[in-house]
C-alpha cells in the first residue's frame, strides 16, 4: 500500500523523512481560499477538518489503492480565523494583532483511499505570543526565511518563530503541521510501519 502526502509543505515532508516513513508527494489541487468561503458557516475546528479531508479525497481518486494524507491548520484568535499572510505587510499586521495574546492552532489530518475518508485526527494547541513592539516585529520579519509567510501566524517554531512565543500547550508535531504519533498508529495498524 503506497502512502501519498498531498501537501506542498516542506516541514510535513521533513517530519516523514526524519521518521523514515516512505511516501510520495502529490498535488491536492484544492483552492483553499475558495473552500474556506464555502465553509465560512462552520467552526474553525470543522473548517480545518473539512479542508484536510478535501485535500486527501481529491487526489485519492487519481491514485487508486493508496493512502492519501491531507492536512490543514487553522489559527483562531478570539473566534476569528487568521489566514496565511499574503505579503510582508499583512504579516506585520497579523503579528501586531497576535502579540501579547493567546491563540489556538488547530491541526487536522485525514487519510483517504479511493475517494473515501478512512481515518482522521484533529488536535488543538494553545499558544501565547510575547508582547512585542513594532520595531521587534520589523526586526523579526527582516531576518526570517520568507517561506515562513506560508505558515499561519507567520511563525515556525522549529525556526526563528520560537522567539515570538512564551508559552505552548500542545503537541510539537501537530504545531509543525503533522500529528506524527496518531499518524504512525494508523500506519502501524494498517501494516505500513515495519511490515515484514
Protein backbone atom coordinates (compact mmCIF):
# COMPACT_ATOMS: atom_id res chain seq x y z
CA UNK A 1 0.00 0.00 0.00
CA UNK A 2 1.52 3.30 -1.13
CA UNK A 3 1.47 6.34 1.17
CA UNK A 4 1.00 9.72 -0.51
CA UNK A 5 1.35 13.17 1.05
CA UNK A 6 -0.98 15.68 -0.60
CA UNK A 7 0.87 18.73 0.64
CA UNK A 8 3.48 21.17 -0.58
CA UNK A 9 4.71 21.73 2.98
CA UNK A 10 8.45 21.11 3.32
CA UNK A 11 8.01 20.76 7.08
CA UNK A 12 5.48 17.91 6.75
CA UNK A 13 7.79 16.17 4.29
CA UNK A 14 10.74 16.58 6.65
CA UNK A 15 8.75 15.05 9.51
CA UNK A 16 8.08 11.92 7.43
CA UNK A 17 11.67 11.86 6.15
CA UNK A 18 13.16 12.02 9.65
CA UNK A 19 10.82 9.25 10.81
CA UNK A 20 11.94 7.21 7.76
CA UNK A 21 8.34 6.69 6.64
CA UNK A 22 8.26 6.03 2.87
CA UNK A 23 5.89 8.29 0.94
CA UNK A 24 5.49 10.27 -2.25
CA UNK A 25 4.31 13.87 -2.58
CA UNK A 26 1.28 14.61 -4.77
CA UNK A 27 -0.70 17.76 -5.52
CA UNK A 28 -4.06 18.19 -3.81
CA UNK A 29 -5.26 20.88 -6.26
CA UNK A 30 -7.60 22.39 -3.67
CA UNK A 31 -8.26 26.13 -3.77
CA UNK A 32 -8.05 26.78 -0.02
CA UNK A 33 -9.41 30.32 -0.17
CA UNK A 34 -12.45 29.21 -2.16
CA UNK A 35 -13.03 26.27 0.16
CA UNK A 36 -12.82 28.49 3.25
CA UNK A 37 -15.51 30.74 1.79
CA UNK A 38 -17.85 27.76 1.31
CA UNK A 39 -17.07 26.55 4.85
CA UNK A 40 -17.45 30.00 6.45
CA UNK A 41 -20.53 28.91 8.42
CA UNK A 42 -18.52 26.18 10.22
CA UNK A 43 -16.44 26.41 13.37
CA UNK A 44 -12.66 26.88 12.93
CA UNK A 45 -12.18 23.26 14.10
CA UNK A 46 -14.59 21.96 11.47
CA UNK A 47 -13.03 24.12 8.76
CA UNK A 48 -9.62 22.58 9.49
CA UNK A 49 -11.13 19.08 9.34
CA UNK A 50 -13.07 19.72 6.12
CA UNK A 51 -10.00 21.17 4.39
CA UNK A 52 -7.83 18.21 5.43
CA UNK A 53 -10.49 15.79 4.17
CA UNK A 54 -10.83 17.64 0.87
CA UNK A 55 -7.06 17.64 0.34
CA UNK A 56 -6.96 13.88 0.96
CA UNK A 57 -10.06 12.91 -1.04
CA UNK A 58 -9.44 14.87 -4.22
CA UNK A 59 -6.15 13.16 -5.23
CA UNK A 60 -7.29 9.77 -3.89
CA UNK A 61 -9.50 9.32 -6.97
CA UNK A 62 -6.42 9.56 -9.16
CA UNK A 63 -4.18 7.27 -7.08
CA UNK A 64 -6.20 4.11 -6.54
CA UNK A 65 -5.45 1.77 -3.65
CA UNK A 66 -3.17 4.30 -1.97
CA UNK A 67 -3.49 6.07 1.35
CA UNK A 68 -3.51 9.83 0.70
CA UNK A 69 -2.71 12.18 3.58
CA UNK A 70 -4.36 15.59 3.63
CA UNK A 71 -3.60 18.13 6.33
CA UNK A 72 -4.59 21.65 7.27
CA UNK A 73 -4.05 24.19 10.02
CA UNK A 74 -6.32 26.98 11.15
CA UNK A 75 -5.26 29.75 13.54
CA UNK A 76 -8.07 31.08 15.71
CA UNK A 77 -7.78 34.35 17.62
CA UNK A 78 -10.85 35.42 19.62
CA UNK A 79 -13.20 33.29 17.45
CA UNK A 80 -11.74 34.76 14.26
CA UNK A 81 -9.65 32.83 11.73
CA UNK A 82 -6.28 34.34 10.80
CA UNK A 83 -5.28 33.20 7.29
CA UNK A 84 -1.79 32.91 5.84
CA UNK A 85 -0.25 36.31 5.20
CA UNK A 86 -0.18 37.24 1.52
CA UNK A 87 2.81 39.57 1.90
CA UNK A 88 5.18 41.11 4.45
CA UNK A 89 2.80 43.98 5.24
CA UNK A 90 -0.04 41.61 6.04
CA UNK A 91 2.38 39.51 8.10
CA UNK A 92 3.30 42.57 10.14
CA UNK A 93 -0.36 43.38 10.73
CA UNK A 94 -1.04 39.83 11.90
CA UNK A 95 1.89 39.83 14.32
CA UNK A 96 0.77 43.17 15.74
CA UNK A 97 -2.66 41.64 16.26
CA UNK A 98 -1.32 38.41 17.81
CA UNK A 99 1.35 39.95 20.05
CA UNK A 100 0.66 39.65 23.77
CA UNK A 101 -2.31 37.35 23.18
CA UNK A 102 -3.25 33.69 23.35
CA UNK A 103 -4.46 31.91 20.24
CA UNK A 104 -5.39 28.41 19.13
CA UNK A 105 -3.64 26.49 16.38
CA UNK A 106 -5.94 23.76 15.08
CA UNK A 107 -4.25 20.98 13.14
CA UNK A 108 -6.29 18.42 11.25
CA UNK A 109 -5.13 15.40 9.28
CA UNK A 110 -7.17 12.99 7.18
CA UNK A 111 -6.38 9.91 5.15
CA UNK A 112 -8.43 8.94 2.11
CA UNK A 113 -8.47 5.84 -0.06
CA UNK A 114 -10.36 5.64 -3.35
CA UNK A 115 -12.47 8.73 -2.61
CA UNK A 116 -13.40 7.92 0.99
CA UNK A 117 -12.01 9.13 4.29
CA UNK A 118 -10.68 6.11 6.20
CA UNK A 119 -9.14 7.95 9.16
CA UNK A 120 -8.87 11.44 10.60
CA UNK A 121 -7.43 13.22 13.62
CA UNK A 122 -7.65 16.76 14.96
CA UNK A 123 -5.52 18.45 17.59
CA UNK A 124 -5.69 21.91 19.15
CA UNK A 125 -2.66 23.69 20.60
CA UNK A 126 -2.92 26.77 22.80
CA UNK A 127 -0.14 29.25 22.12
CA UNK A 128 0.80 32.51 23.78
CA UNK A 129 2.77 35.16 21.93
CA UNK A 130 5.13 37.55 23.71
CA UNK A 131 4.34 41.24 23.95
CA UNK A 132 6.22 42.71 21.00
CA UNK A 133 6.69 46.24 19.79
CA UNK A 134 6.69 47.31 16.16
CA UNK A 135 10.49 47.51 15.99
CA UNK A 136 10.85 43.93 17.28
CA UNK A 137 8.31 42.70 14.73
CA UNK A 138 10.11 44.54 11.91
CA UNK A 139 13.43 43.05 13.02
CA UNK A 140 11.91 39.56 13.08
CA UNK A 141 10.33 39.92 9.63
CA UNK A 142 13.54 41.33 8.12
CA UNK A 143 15.54 38.32 9.27
CA UNK A 144 13.25 35.35 8.62
CA UNK A 145 13.27 32.97 5.70
CA UNK A 146 10.40 34.39 3.61
CA UNK A 147 8.91 30.88 3.25
CA UNK A 148 7.58 31.42 6.81
CA UNK A 149 5.00 33.73 5.25
CA UNK A 150 3.33 30.49 4.13
CA UNK A 151 2.80 29.49 7.78
CA UNK A 152 -0.33 30.55 9.63
CA UNK A 153 0.66 33.00 12.34
CA UNK A 154 3.89 33.90 10.50
CA UNK A 155 6.00 31.69 12.73
CA UNK A 156 7.62 28.31 12.51
CA UNK A 157 8.50 27.04 15.99
CA UNK A 158 11.38 24.96 14.63
CA UNK A 159 12.95 28.17 13.29
CA UNK A 160 13.07 31.84 14.37
CA UNK A 161 9.36 31.82 15.24
CA UNK A 162 10.02 30.22 18.62
CA UNK A 163 11.46 33.59 19.74
CA UNK A 164 7.99 35.15 19.44
CA UNK A 165 6.28 32.71 21.78
CA UNK A 166 6.32 32.48 25.55
CA UNK A 167 4.02 29.51 26.14
CA UNK A 168 2.97 26.47 24.15
CA UNK A 169 0.42 23.93 25.29
CA UNK A 170 0.22 21.30 22.59
CA UNK A 171 1.90 18.56 20.61
CA UNK A 172 5.13 19.63 18.89
CA UNK A 173 4.45 17.69 15.67
CA UNK A 174 0.87 19.00 15.50
CA UNK A 175 2.16 22.55 15.71
CA UNK A 176 4.55 21.75 12.85
CA UNK A 177 1.53 20.56 10.85
CA UNK A 178 1.55 16.76 11.06
CA UNK A 179 0.47 14.94 14.26
CA UNK A 180 3.03 12.17 13.97
CA UNK A 181 2.12 9.84 16.82
CA UNK A 182 -1.56 9.38 15.81
CA UNK A 183 -0.46 9.04 12.18
CA UNK A 184 2.10 6.34 12.97
CA UNK A 185 -0.56 4.50 14.99
CA UNK A 186 -2.79 4.40 11.90
CA UNK A 187 0.12 3.29 9.72
CA UNK A 188 1.05 0.59 12.25
CA UNK A 189 -2.49 -0.75 12.34
CA UNK A 190 -2.50 -0.91 8.54
CA UNK A 191 0.83 -2.74 8.29
CA UNK A 192 2.69 0.18 6.73
CA UNK A 193 5.26 0.59 9.51
CA UNK A 194 7.91 -2.05 9.99
CA UNK A 195 5.97 -4.52 7.87
CA UNK A 196 7.71 -7.77 7.04
